[in-house]
C-alpha atoms as a PDB file:
ATOM      1  CA  MET A   1       0.000   0.000   0.000  1.00  0.00           C
ATOM      2  CA  ALA A   2       1.233   3.500  -0.831  1.00  0.00           C
ATOM      3  CA  HIS A   3       2.045   5.891   1.946  1.00  0.00           C
ATOM      4  CA  ASN A   4       0.046   8.824   0.434  1.00  0.00           C
ATOM      5  CA  ALA A   5      -3.197   6.963  -0.230  1.00  0.00           C
ATOM      6  CA  PRO A   6      -6.125   7.376   2.175  1.00  0.00           C
ATOM      7  CA  GLU A   7      -6.638   4.504   4.574  1.00  0.00           C
ATOM      8  CA  GLY A   8      -8.818   1.734   3.390  1.00  0.00           C
ATOM      9  CA  ARG A   9      -8.447   2.596  -0.245  1.00  0.00           C
ATOM     10  CA  ALA A  10      -6.081   1.269  -2.798  1.00  0.00           C
ATOM     11  CA  PRO A  11      -4.260   3.672  -5.092  1.00  0.00           C
ATOM     12  CA  ASP A  12      -5.852   4.262  -8.512  1.00  0.00           C
ATOM     13  CA  VAL A  13      -2.527   4.573 -10.222  1.00  0.00           C
ATOM     14  CA  GLN A  14      -1.763   2.064 -12.876  1.00  0.00           C
ATOM     15  CA  ARG A  15       1.545   1.641 -14.407  1.00  0.00           C
ATOM     16  CA  GLY A  16       2.179   4.396 -17.035  1.00  0.00           C
ATOM     17  CA  ARG A  17      -0.841   6.552 -16.148  1.00  0.00           C
ATOM     18  CA  GLU A  18      -1.222   9.701 -14.019  1.00  0.00           C
ATOM     19  CA  ILE A  19      -4.207  10.780 -11.987  1.00  0.00           C
ATOM     20  CA  PHE A  20      -5.837  13.901 -13.416  1.00  0.00           C
ATOM     21  CA  ASP A  21      -7.964  15.485 -10.633  1.00  0.00           C
ATOM     22  CA  LEU A  22      -9.283  18.445 -12.629  1.00  0.00           C
ATOM     23  CA  ASP A  23     -12.726  17.923 -14.120  1.00  0.00           C
ATOM     24  CA  VAL A  24     -12.562  19.778 -17.457  1.00  0.00           C
ATOM     25  CA  SER A  25     -16.328  19.803 -17.885  1.00  0.00           C
ATOM     26  CA  ASN A  26     -16.685  22.160 -14.883  1.00  0.00           C
ATOM     27  CA  VAL A  27     -14.139  24.581 -16.382  1.00  0.00           C
ATOM     28  CA  ARG A  28     -15.950  24.457 -19.696  1.00  0.00           C
ATOM     29  CA  TRP A  29     -19.321  25.244 -18.094  1.00  0.00           C
ATOM     30  CA  PHE A  30     -17.781  28.041 -16.022  1.00  0.00           C
ATOM     31  CA  SER A  31     -16.260  29.699 -19.103  1.00  0.00           C
ATOM     32  CA  VAL A  32     -19.574  29.416 -20.989  1.00  0.00           C
ATOM     33  CA  PHE A  33     -21.340  31.035 -18.023  1.00  0.00           C
ATOM     34  CA  ILE A  34     -18.838  33.935 -17.990  1.00  0.00           C
ATOM     35  CA  VAL A  35     -19.246  34.559 -21.732  1.00  0.00           C
ATOM     36  CA  LEU A  36     -23.063  34.528 -21.397  1.00  0.00           C
ATOM     37  CA  LEU A  37     -22.853  36.903 -18.437  1.00  0.00           C
ATOM     38  CA  LEU A  38     -20.744  39.345 -20.484  1.00  0.00           C
ATOM     39  CA  ILE A  39     -23.204  39.205 -23.387  1.00  0.00           C
ATOM     40  CA  VAL A  40     -26.207  39.798 -21.118  1.00  0.00           C
ATOM     41  CA  THR A  41     -24.433  42.683 -19.352  1.00  0.00           C
ATOM     42  CA  ALA A  42     -23.490  44.343 -22.651  1.00  0.00           C
ATOM     43  CA  ALA A  43     -27.055  43.959 -23.963  1.00  0.00           C
ATOM     44  CA  ALA A  44     -28.508  45.444 -20.758  1.00  0.00           C
ATOM     45  CA  ALA A  45     -26.129  48.430 -20.949  1.00  0.00           C
ATOM     46  CA  PHE A  46     -27.005  48.930 -24.627  1.00  0.00           C
ATOM     47  CA  VAL A  47     -30.731  48.985 -23.833  1.00  0.00           C
ATOM     48  CA  MET A  48     -30.340  51.235 -20.767  1.00  0.00           C
ATOM     49  CA  LEU A  49     -28.199  53.789 -22.610  1.00  0.00           C
ATOM     50  CA  GLY A  50     -30.546  54.005 -25.564  1.00  0.00           C
ATOM     51  CA  GLY A  51     -28.502  52.078 -28.062  1.00  0.00           C
ATOM     52  CA  PHE A  52     -26.697  53.866 -30.841  1.00  0.00           C
ATOM     53  CA  ARG A  53     -29.343  56.571 -31.210  1.00  0.00           C
ATOM     54  CA  ILE A  54     -28.158  60.171 -31.152  1.00  0.00           C
ATOM     55  CA  PRO A  55     -30.869  62.446 -29.768  1.00  0.00           C
ATOM     56  CA  LEU A  56     -31.706  65.227 -32.199  1.00  0.00           C
ATOM     57  CA  PRO A  57     -32.825  68.601 -30.886  1.00  0.00           C
ATOM     58  CA  THR A  58     -36.574  69.098 -31.046  1.00  0.00           C
ATOM     59  CA  THR A  59     -36.343  72.389 -32.907  1.00  0.00           C
ATOM     60  CA  ARG A  60     -33.506  73.629 -35.013  1.00  0.00           C
ATOM     61  CA  ALA A  61     -33.211  77.361 -35.375  1.00  0.00           C
ATOM     62  CA  ALA A  62     -31.715  78.397 -38.684  1.00  0.00           C
ATOM     63  CA  PRO A  63     -29.963  81.754 -38.822  1.00  0.00           C
ATOM     64  CA  ALA A  64     -31.938  84.489 -40.561  1.00  0.00           C
ATOM     65  CA  ASN A  65     -29.104  85.297 -42.943  1.00  0.00           C
ATOM     66  CA  GLU A  66     -25.559  84.161 -43.551  1.00  0.00           C
ATOM     67  CA  GLU A  67     -23.979  87.365 -42.194  1.00  0.00           C
ATOM     68  CA  SER A  68     -25.757  87.026 -38.867  1.00  0.00           C
ATOM     69  CA  THR A  69     -23.431  87.891 -35.986  1.00  0.00           C
ATOM     70  CA  THR A  70     -25.230  85.672 -33.504  1.00  0.00           C
ATOM     71  CA  ALA A  71     -25.060  81.937 -33.994  1.00  0.00           C
ATOM     72  CA  PRO A  72     -27.512  79.488 -32.416  1.00  0.00           C
ATOM     73  CA  PHE A  73     -24.536  77.813 -30.739  1.00  0.00           C
ATOM     74  CA  ALA A  74     -21.083  78.794 -29.565  1.00  0.00           C
ATOM     75  CA  THR A  75     -18.358  78.663 -32.169  1.00  0.00           C
ATOM     76  CA  LEU A  76     -14.631  78.431 -31.673  1.00  0.00           C
ATOM     77  CA  GLN A  77     -12.310  81.003 -33.112  1.00  0.00           C
ATOM     78  CA  SER A  78      -9.717  79.901 -35.600  1.00  0.00           C
ATOM     79  CA  ALA A  79      -7.181  82.561 -34.491  1.00  0.00           C
ATOM     80  CA  PRO A  80      -8.090  84.178 -31.134  1.00  0.00           C
ATOM     81  CA  GLN A  81      -4.666  85.814 -30.670  1.00  0.00           C
ATOM     82  CA  ASP A  82      -5.684  89.162 -32.196  1.00  0.00           C
ATOM     83  CA  GLU A  83      -8.797  89.501 -30.054  1.00  0.00           C
ATOM     84  CA  LEU A  84      -6.868  88.472 -26.939  1.00  0.00           C
ATOM     85  CA  ARG A  85      -4.177  91.055 -27.680  1.00  0.00           C
ATOM     86  CA  THR A  86      -6.846  93.759 -28.175  1.00  0.00           C
ATOM     87  CA  TYR A  87      -8.610  92.730 -24.952  1.00  0.00           C
ATOM     88  CA  ARG A  88      -5.399  92.855 -22.917  1.00  0.00           C
ATOM     89  CA  ARG A  89      -4.436  96.203 -24.445  1.00  0.00           C
ATOM     90  CA  SER A  90      -7.823  97.704 -23.503  1.00  0.00           C
ATOM     91  CA  LYS A  91      -7.527  96.429 -19.914  1.00  0.00           C
ATOM     92  CA  ALA A  92      -3.980  97.779 -19.603  1.00  0.00           C
ATOM     93  CA  THR A  93      -5.147 101.164 -20.923  1.00  0.00           C
ATOM     94  CA  ALA A  94      -7.949 101.201 -18.354  1.00  0.00           C
ATOM     95  CA  LEU A  95      -5.473 100.497 -15.535  1.00  0.00           C
ATOM     96  CA  GLU A  96      -2.796 102.910 -16.709  1.00  0.00           C
ATOM     97  CA  GLY A  97      -4.834 105.865 -17.959  1.00  0.00           C
ATOM     98  CA  TYR A  98      -6.742 108.847 -16.604  1.00  0.00           C
ATOM     99  CA  HIS A  99     -10.527 108.808 -17.219  1.00  0.00           C
ATOM    100  CA  TRP A 100     -13.528 110.651 -15.888  1.00  0.00           C
ATOM    101  CA  VAL A 101     -15.877 108.315 -14.038  1.00  0.00           C
ATOM    102  CA  ASP A 102     -18.323 111.008 -12.884  1.00  0.00           C
ATOM    103  CA  ARG A 103     -17.525 114.491 -14.165  1.00  0.00           C
ATOM    104  CA  THR A 104     -20.253 116.216 -12.094  1.00  0.00           C
ATOM    105  CA  GLY A 105     -19.201 114.442  -8.902  1.00  0.00           C
ATOM    106  CA  GLY A 106     -15.505 115.004  -9.565  1.00  0.00           C
ATOM    107  CA  VAL A 107     -14.605 111.300  -9.669  1.00  0.00           C
ATOM    108  CA  VAL A 108     -11.568 110.482 -11.792  1.00  0.00           C
ATOM    109  CA  GLN A 109      -9.951 107.165 -12.538  1.00  0.00           C
ATOM    110  CA  ILE A 110      -6.172 107.378 -12.176  1.00  0.00           C
ATOM    111  CA  PRO A 111      -3.399 104.866 -12.930  1.00  0.00           C
ATOM    112  CA  ILE A 112      -3.131 102.148 -10.344  1.00  0.00           C
ATOM    113  CA  GLU A 113       0.526 102.882  -9.496  1.00  0.00           C
ATOM    114  CA  ARG A 114      -0.256 106.545  -8.842  1.00  0.00           C
ATOM    115  CA  ALA A 115      -3.237 105.531  -6.680  1.00  0.00           C
ATOM    116  CA  MET A 116      -0.994 103.272  -4.585  1.00  0.00           C
ATOM    117  CA  GLU A 117       1.520 106.116  -4.120  1.00  0.00           C
ATOM    118  CA  LEU A 118      -1.251 108.484  -2.985  1.00  0.00           C
ATOM    119  CA  VAL A 119      -2.698 105.945  -0.544  1.00  0.00           C
ATOM    120  CA  ALA A 120       0.767 105.225   0.901  1.00  0.00           C
ATOM    121  CA  ALA A 121       1.481 108.957   1.307  1.00  0.00           C
ATOM    122  CA  GLN A 122      -1.940 109.537   2.871  1.00  0.00           C
ATOM    123  CA  SER A 123      -1.511 106.692   5.372  1.00  0.00           C
ATOM    124  CA  THR A 124       1.995 107.941   6.288  1.00  0.00           C
ATOM    125  CA  ALA A 125       0.628 111.463   6.840  1.00  0.00           C
ATOM    126  CA  GLN A 126      -2.201 110.117   8.983  1.00  0.00           C
ATOM    127  CA  ALA A 127       0.210 108.033  11.056  1.00  0.00           C
ATOM    128  CA  THR A 128       2.446 111.075  11.595  1.00  0.00           C
ATOM    129  CA  THR A 129      -0.543 113.223  12.552  1.00  0.00           C
ATOM    130  CA  GLN A 130      -1.852 110.595  14.964  1.00  0.00           C
ATOM    131  CA  SER A 131       1.524 110.121  16.657  1.00  0.00           C
ATOM    132  CA  ALA A 132       1.895 113.911  17.054  1.00  0.00           C
ATOM    133  CA  ALA A 133      -1.604 114.118  18.493  1.00  0.00           C
ATOM    134  CA  GLN A 134      -0.844 111.355  20.969  1.00  0.00           C
ATOM    135  CA  SER A 135       2.373 113.071  22.008  1.00  0.00           C
ATOM    136  CA  VAL A 136       0.520 116.338  22.633  1.00  0.00           C
ATOM    137  CA  THR A 137      -2.184 114.594  24.678  1.00  0.00           C
ATOM    138  CA  GLN A 138       0.489 112.883  26.775  1.00  0.00           C
ATOM    139  CA  GLY A 139       2.260 116.184  27.410  1.00  0.00           C
ATOM    140  CA  VAL A 140       5.360 115.393  25.370  1.00  0.00           C
ATOM    141  CA  SER A 141       6.323 117.845  22.667  1.00  0.00           C
ATOM    142  CA  PRO A 142       7.370 116.387  19.289  1.00  0.00           C
ATOM    143  CA  GLU A 143      10.801 118.047  19.613  1.00  0.00           C
ATOM    144  CA  SER A 144      11.546 116.380  22.961  1.00  0.00           C
ATOM    145  CA  LYS A 145      10.995 112.833  21.748  1.00  0.00           C
ATOM    146  CA  PRO A 146      13.779 110.459  22.774  1.00  0.00           C
ATOM    147  CA  ALA A 147      16.389 109.763  20.130  1.00  0.00           C
ATOM    148  CA  ALA A 148      16.731 106.395  18.468  1.00  0.00           C
ATOM    149  CA  PRO A 149      18.346 103.785  20.718  1.00  0.00           C
ATOM    150  CA  ALA A 150      22.116 103.729  20.524  1.00  0.00           C
ATOM    151  CA  ALA A 151      23.955 100.755  19.137  1.00  0.00           C
ATOM    152  CA  PRO A 152      25.269  98.270  21.704  1.00  0.00           C
ATOM    153  CA  PRO A 153      28.877  98.833  22.760  1.00  0.00           C
ATOM    154  CA  GLY A 154      31.400  97.395  20.343  1.00  0.00           C
ATOM    155  CA  ARG A 155      29.040  97.616  17.405  1.00  0.00           C
ATOM    156  CA  GLU A 156      29.185 100.779  15.394  1.00  0.00           C
ATOM    157  CA  ARG A 157      26.490 101.679  12.902  1.00  0.00           C
ATOM    158  CA  THR A 158      27.809 102.630   9.475  1.00  0.00           C
ATOM    159  CA  ARG A 159      25.891 103.893   6.516  1.00  0.00           C
END
């Protein structure tokens, strides 16, 4: 008796033959089932998505004439560089130029760099005015303010 055979059973091996444990009919049926499942799934998706039909719009508006400036749908430009350049130039002119916004109210649009300079100067003037006002309310005159702190010994300040 062979040492790897179950007890009470004689080995099925005959001289010159191997035991083939895989039942090929089960593999065959499994592969057929998978193919059928793929076909059914594809058919269900085809039906659910409406097949190969392309929905047409219910009404199609034709342009009144060929030179119409408005199209029933958005169109792409073949060369948008010129329009982009013009657009950017107009925006730069608006930022860098002087224009009346409201002539009766006296409102003027000025270049953005000049506006930033004016705001910075105005905020510096307000800060100076506020610090002077605080000094006066505290009884310290602006001339008698303490000088800037001296440099620590051994370290000279050079300009």
